[in-house]
C-alpha atoms as a PDB file:
ATOM      1  CA  UNK A   1      49.058 -17.045  -7.568  1.00  0.00           C
ATOM      2  CA  UNK A   2      46.080 -18.740  -5.968  1.00  0.00           C
ATOM      3  CA  UNK A   3      43.254 -20.588  -7.694  1.00  0.00           C
ATOM      4  CA  UNK A   4      40.323 -21.097  -5.366  1.00  0.00           C
ATOM      5  CA  UNK A   5      39.492 -24.465  -6.881  1.00  0.00           C
ATOM      6  CA  UNK A   6      37.082 -26.743  -5.066  1.00  0.00           C
ATOM      7  CA  UNK A   7      38.415 -29.676  -3.094  1.00  0.00           C
ATOM      8  CA  UNK A   8      38.017 -33.192  -4.484  1.00  0.00           C
ATOM      9  CA  UNK A   9      37.958 -36.681  -3.057  1.00  0.00           C
ATOM     10  CA  UNK A  10      41.455 -38.188  -2.926  1.00  0.00           C
ATOM     11  CA  UNK A  11      41.432 -40.018  -6.288  1.00  0.00           C
ATOM     12  CA  UNK A  12      39.610 -37.222  -8.130  1.00  0.00           C
ATOM     13  CA  UNK A  13      42.055 -34.745  -6.595  1.00  0.00           C
ATOM     14  CA  UNK A  14      45.019 -36.691  -7.965  1.00  0.00           C
ATOM     15  CA  UNK A  15      43.475 -36.764 -11.453  1.00  0.00           C
ATOM     16  CA  UNK A  16      42.633 -33.053 -11.298  1.00  0.00           C
ATOM     17  CA  UNK A  17      46.149 -32.140 -10.199  1.00  0.00           C
ATOM     18  CA  UNK A  18      47.648 -34.260 -13.027  1.00  0.00           C
ATOM     19  CA  UNK A  19      45.380 -32.535 -15.564  1.00  0.00           C
ATOM     20  CA  UNK A  20      46.287 -29.089 -14.267  1.00  0.00           C
ATOM     21  CA  UNK A  21      50.006 -29.859 -14.272  1.00  0.00           C
ATOM     22  CA  UNK A  22      49.745 -31.022 -17.893  1.00  0.00           C
ATOM     23  CA  UNK A  23      47.985 -27.764 -18.761  1.00  0.00           C
ATOM     24  CA  UNK A  24      50.930 -25.860 -17.283  1.00  0.00           C
ATOM     25  CA  UNK A  25      53.529 -27.798 -19.303  1.00  0.00           C
ATOM     26  CA  UNK A  26      54.409 -24.792 -21.514  1.00  0.00           C
ATOM     27  CA  UNK A  27      55.123 -22.579 -18.511  1.00  0.00           C
ATOM     28  CA  UNK A  28      57.146 -25.345 -16.914  1.00  0.00           C
ATOM     29  CA  UNK A  29      59.190 -25.839 -20.118  1.00  0.00           C
ATOM     30  CA  UNK A  30      60.089 -22.127 -20.337  1.00  0.00           C
ATOM     31  CA  UNK A  31      60.949 -21.875 -16.656  1.00  0.00           C
ATOM     32  CA  UNK A  32      63.019 -25.062 -16.852  1.00  0.00           C
ATOM     33  CA  UNK A  33      64.899 -23.722 -19.892  1.00  0.00           C
ATOM     34  CA  UNK A  34      65.754 -20.623 -17.847  1.00  0.00           C
ATOM     35  CA  UNK A  35      67.020 -22.726 -14.930  1.00  0.00           C
ATOM     36  CA  UNK A  36      64.073 -21.844 -12.723  1.00  0.00           C
ATOM     37  CA  UNK A  37      61.529 -23.718 -10.669  1.00  0.00           C
ATOM     38  CA  UNK A  38      57.739 -24.055 -10.989  1.00  0.00           C
ATOM     39  CA  UNK A  39      55.627 -25.333  -8.137  1.00  0.00           C
ATOM     40  CA  UNK A  40      52.011 -26.344  -7.723  1.00  0.00           C
ATOM     41  CA  UNK A  41      50.610 -27.237  -4.314  1.00  0.00           C
ATOM     42  CA  UNK A  42      47.431 -27.114  -2.316  1.00  0.00           C
ATOM     43  CA  UNK A  43      46.656 -23.691  -0.886  1.00  0.00           C
ATOM     44  CA  UNK A  44      46.983 -23.437   2.855  1.00  0.00           C
ATOM     45  CA  UNK A  45      44.072 -22.705   5.156  1.00  0.00           C
ATOM     46  CA  UNK A  46      42.003 -20.523   5.167  1.00  0.00           C
ATOM     47  CA  UNK A  47      42.275 -20.564   1.353  1.00  0.00           C
ATOM     48  CA  UNK A  48      41.054 -23.473  -0.728  1.00  0.00           C
ATOM     49  CA  UNK A  49      42.354 -24.562  -4.093  1.00  0.00           C
ATOM     50  CA  UNK A  50      45.891 -24.404  -5.419  1.00  0.00           C
ATOM     51  CA  UNK A  51      48.877 -22.121  -5.324  1.00  0.00           C
ATOM     52  CA  UNK A  52      51.293 -21.776  -8.208  1.00  0.00           C
ATOM     53  CA  UNK A  53      54.700 -20.167  -8.193  1.00  0.00           C
ATOM     54  CA  UNK A  54      57.615 -19.744 -10.563  1.00  0.00           C
ATOM     55  CA  UNK A  55      61.134 -18.616  -9.722  1.00  0.00           C
ATOM     56  CA  UNK A  56      63.355 -17.480 -12.596  1.00  0.00           C
ATOM     57  CA  UNK A  57      66.954 -16.302 -12.501  1.00  0.00           C
ATOM     58  CA  UNK A  58      66.753 -12.734 -13.876  1.00  0.00           C
ATOM     59  CA  UNK A  59      69.672 -13.110 -16.295  1.00  0.00           C
ATOM     60  CA  UNK A  60      68.339 -16.339 -17.804  1.00  0.00           C
ATOM     61  CA  UNK A  61      64.845 -14.901 -18.221  1.00  0.00           C
ATOM     62  CA  UNK A  62      66.250 -11.813 -19.968  1.00  0.00           C
ATOM     63  CA  UNK A  63      68.297 -13.983 -22.359  1.00  0.00           C
ATOM     64  CA  UNK A  64      65.267 -16.173 -23.099  1.00  0.00           C
ATOM     65  CA  UNK A  65      63.134 -13.107 -23.851  1.00  0.00           C
ATOM     66  CA  UNK A  66      65.587 -12.075 -26.589  1.00  0.00           C
ATOM     67  CA  UNK A  67      65.152 -15.412 -28.407  1.00  0.00           C
END
């Protein structure tokens, strides 16, 4: 998933990324419980903004869904 978020100066960019990661804490908790991985990084050129990904083991995600 890409979010075409504007670029910031270095310090503002760090604060923005910290805020956005905190906002994604619920997703990260679920993915972590399933043994998966969540990532957030700067989008690569020619895109601007951020890219987000989550990788979940199928079996773990299916078990979590039953809870």
